[in-house]
N, C-alpha and C. Protein backbone atom coordinates (compact mmCIF):
# COMPACT_ATOMS: atom_id res chain seq x y z
N MET A 1 -2.32 -9.92 17.72
CA MET A 1 -2.65 -10.50 16.23
C MET A 1 -3.87 -10.46 15.25
N SER A 2 -4.18 -9.38 16.66
CA SER A 2 -5.68 -9.04 15.34
C SER A 2 -5.07 -7.82 14.39
N VAL A 3 -4.42 -7.02 14.37
CA VAL A 3 -3.54 -6.10 14.47
C VAL A 3 -3.61 -6.02 13.11
N LEU A 4 -2.32 -7.78 12.98
CA LEU A 4 -1.62 -8.66 11.79
C LEU A 4 -3.12 -8.63 11.12
N LYS A 5 -3.39 -9.57 11.46
CA LYS A 5 -5.42 -9.68 10.86
C LYS A 5 -5.37 -8.72 10.20
N ASP A 6 -5.99 -7.36 11.08
CA ASP A 6 -6.78 -6.42 10.24
C ASP A 6 -5.43 -5.55 8.78
N LEU A 7 -4.40 -5.52 9.19
CA LEU A 7 -3.25 -5.05 8.15
C LEU A 7 -3.50 -6.00 6.86
N PHE A 8 -3.37 -7.20 7.26
CA PHE A 8 -3.56 -8.20 5.77
C PHE A 8 -4.75 -7.85 5.10
N ALA A 9 -5.89 -7.67 6.11
CA ALA A 9 -7.30 -7.86 4.96
C ALA A 9 -7.47 -6.16 4.26
N SER A 10 -6.46 -5.21 4.89
CA SER A 10 -6.47 -4.26 3.93
C SER A 10 -5.91 -4.25 2.76
N LYS A 11 -6.48 -3.55 1.67
CA LYS A 11 -5.92 -3.14 0.39
C LYS A 11 -4.76 -2.44 0.80
N LYS A 12 -4.67 -1.66 1.92
CA LYS A 12 -3.46 -0.67 1.79
C LYS A 12 -2.41 -1.22 2.62
N GLY A 13 -2.97 -1.94 3.56
CA GLY A 13 -1.74 -2.69 4.07
C GLY A 13 -1.00 -3.22 3.46
N VAL A 14 -2.33 -3.99 2.79
CA VAL A 14 -0.84 -5.16 2.05
C VAL A 14 -0.06 -4.52 1.00
N SER A 15 -0.81 -3.53 0.69
CA SER A 15 0.36 -2.66 -0.64
C SER A 15 1.57 -1.96 -0.27
N ALA A 16 1.10 -1.48 1.58
CA ALA A 16 2.57 -1.42 1.90
C ALA A 16 3.88 -2.15 1.99
N MET A 17 3.15 -3.51 2.66
CA MET A 17 3.76 -4.93 2.78
C MET A 17 4.18 -4.69 1.71
N ALA A 18 4.09 -4.66 0.62
CA ALA A 18 4.30 -5.39 -0.54
C ALA A 18 5.56 -4.37 -0.61
N ALA A 19 5.55 -2.88 -0.82
CA ALA A 19 6.26 -2.22 -0.98
C ALA A 19 7.70 -2.29 -0.13
N ILE A 20 7.81 -2.24 1.40
CA ILE A 20 8.12 -2.55 2.26
C ILE A 20 9.09 -4.27 1.82
N LEU A 21 8.60 -4.82 1.25
CA LEU A 21 9.22 -6.21 0.56
C LEU A 21 9.79 -6.08 -0.24
N VAL A 22 9.52 -5.24 -1.39
CA VAL A 22 10.54 -4.83 -2.22
C VAL A 22 12.07 -4.36 -2.14
N VAL A 23 11.67 -2.95 -1.18
CA VAL A 23 12.59 -2.07 -0.93
C VAL A 23 13.94 -2.80 -0.10
N ILE A 24 13.04 -3.78 0.42
CA ILE A 24 14.44 -5.17 1.32
C ILE A 24 14.85 -6.09 0.53
N ALA A 25 14.16 -6.52 -0.32
CA ALA A 25 14.82 -7.66 -1.60
C ALA A 25 16.12 -6.37 -2.39
N ASN A 26 15.36 -5.50 -2.26
CA ASN A 26 16.10 -5.22 -3.43
C ASN A 26 18.07 -4.37 -2.88
N SER A 27 17.35 -4.34 -1.49
CA SER A 27 18.86 -3.87 -0.74
C SER A 27 19.22 -5.02 -0.08
N ALA A 28 18.98 -6.16 -0.38
CA ALA A 28 19.02 -7.39 0.01
C ALA A 28 20.15 -7.73 -0.90
N GLY A 29 19.96 -7.68 -2.64
CA GLY A 29 20.36 -7.79 -3.62
C GLY A 29 19.77 -8.48 -4.34
N LEU A 30 18.22 -9.36 -4.21
CA LEU A 30 17.88 -10.35 -4.58
C LEU A 30 16.23 -9.96 -5.86
N THR A 31 17.30 -8.70 -6.16
CA THR A 31 16.80 -7.83 -7.38
C THR A 31 18.14 -7.12 -7.45
N ALA A 32 17.65 -6.92 -8.90
CA ALA A 32 18.35 -6.19 -9.95
C ALA A 32 18.17 -5.36 -10.05
N LEU A 33 17.03 -4.07 -9.53
CA LEU A 33 16.35 -3.15 -9.81
C LEU A 33 17.29 -1.28 -10.18
N SER A 34 17.35 -0.85 -11.00
CA SER A 34 18.18 0.16 -10.43
C SER A 34 16.99 1.27 -9.48
N GLU A 35 17.40 2.07 -8.77
CA GLU A 35 17.25 2.89 -8.49
C GLU A 35 16.01 4.14 -9.07
N SER A 36 15.66 4.13 -9.87
CA SER A 36 15.13 5.08 -10.58
C SER A 36 13.63 3.83 -10.86
N THR A 37 13.72 2.71 -11.20
CA THR A 37 12.71 1.59 -11.24
C THR A 37 11.81 1.27 -10.42
N LEU A 38 13.03 0.97 -9.11
CA LEU A 38 12.58 1.49 -7.55
C LEU A 38 11.61 2.03 -7.53
N MET A 39 12.13 3.35 -7.66
CA MET A 39 11.09 4.76 -7.51
C MET A 39 9.57 4.65 -8.19
N MET A 40 10.03 4.09 -8.93
CA MET A 40 8.93 3.98 -10.30
C MET A 40 7.76 3.36 -9.21
N ILE A 41 8.51 2.24 -8.84
CA ILE A 41 7.53 1.12 -8.09
C ILE A 41 7.20 1.25 -7.13
N LEU A 42 7.43 2.00 -6.38
CA LEU A 42 7.42 2.66 -4.85
C LEU A 42 6.37 3.73 -4.62
N GLY A 43 6.60 5.01 -6.26
CA GLY A 43 5.32 6.07 -6.36
C GLY A 43 4.05 5.37 -6.85
N VAL A 44 4.37 4.17 -7.44
CA VAL A 44 2.52 3.56 -8.10
C VAL A 44 2.11 3.01 -6.72
N ILE A 45 3.16 2.57 -5.77
CA ILE A 45 2.34 1.86 -4.60
C ILE A 45 1.77 2.59 -4.09
N GLY A 46 2.53 3.92 -3.47
CA GLY A 46 1.88 4.67 -3.02
C GLY A 46 0.90 5.55 -3.57
N THR A 47 0.93 5.42 -4.79
CA THR A 47 -0.61 6.46 -5.62
C THR A 47 -1.39 5.80 -5.46
N PHE A 48 -1.03 3.99 -5.20
CA PHE A 48 -2.65 3.25 -5.21
C PHE A 48 -3.31 3.24 -3.88
N ILE A 49 -2.42 3.36 -3.29
CA ILE A 49 -2.98 3.70 -0.66
C ILE A 49 -3.39 4.96 -0.99
N VAL A 50 -2.57 5.58 -1.41
CA VAL A 50 -3.39 7.26 -1.24
C VAL A 50 -4.49 7.63 -1.91
N GLY A 51 -4.99 6.53 -3.06
CA GLY A 51 -6.53 6.76 -4.01
C GLY A 51 -7.37 5.45 -3.04
N GLN A 52 -7.42 4.11 -2.35
CA GLN A 52 -7.73 3.39 -1.64
C GLN A 52 -8.02 4.29 -0.10
N GLY A 53 -7.19 4.98 0.39
CA GLY A 53 -7.14 6.16 1.48
C GLY A 53 -8.61 7.25 0.96
N LEU A 54 -8.73 7.22 0.03
CA LEU A 54 -9.57 8.58 -0.75
C LEU A 54 -11.01 7.53 -0.83
N ALA A 55 -11.00 6.33 -1.94
CA ALA A 55 -11.82 6.30 -1.76
C ALA A 55 -12.73 5.56 -0.06
N ASP A 56 -12.03 5.15 0.62
CA ASP A 56 -12.52 4.91 1.93
C ASP A 56 -12.80 5.73 2.67
N LEU A 57 -12.58 7.49 2.42
CA LEU A 57 -12.81 8.65 2.87
C LEU A 57 -14.91 8.62 2.29
N GLY A 58 -14.94 9.03 1.25
CA GLY A 58 -16.24 8.65 0.54
C GLY A 58 -16.97 7.32 0.28
N LYS A 59 -16.86 6.46 1.11
CA LYS A 59 -17.55 5.24 1.70
C LYS A 59 -18.36 5.60 3.12
N GLU A 60 -17.29 6.42 3.24
CA GLU A 60 -17.67 6.74 5.01
C GLU A 60 -18.68 8.17 5.57
N LYS A 61 -18.10 8.86 3.87
CA LYS A 61 -19.05 9.92 3.39
C LYS A 61 -20.69 9.56 3.79
N ALA A 62 -20.16 8.59 2.46
CA ALA A 62 -21.70 7.64 1.99
C ALA A 62 -22.50 7.09 3.47
N LYS A 63 -21.89 6.46 4.32
CA LYS A 63 -22.42 5.95 5.82
C LYS A 63 -22.78 6.55 6.51
N ILE A 64 -22.55 8.34 6.56
CA ILE A 64 -22.75 9.21 6.97
C ILE A 64 -23.99 9.46 7.01
N GLU A 65 -23.71 10.03 5.56
CA GLU A 65 -25.29 10.72 4.43
C GLU A 65 -26.38 9.63 5.00
N VAL A 66 -26.21 8.68 4.75
CA VAL A 66 -27.12 7.40 5.00
C VAL A 66 -28.52 7.50 6.66
N GLU A 67 -27.04 7.70 7.22
CA GLU A 67 -27.81 7.57 8.46
C GLU A 67 -28.39 8.97 9.05
């Protein structure tokens, strides 16, 4: 249960879950997104996840330098 708690506490985790939900909703016919629109949305979410990962690396590096 703590794994799910950690996942939803993370911006990257929430973004990944949102991307999965968008894909599932589109596949189920709940949204009328074209393939190109879907790819643009997923591209933005993916870029955000990568950016957050890089920011996290910078935070960890700063912590190590302080110690």
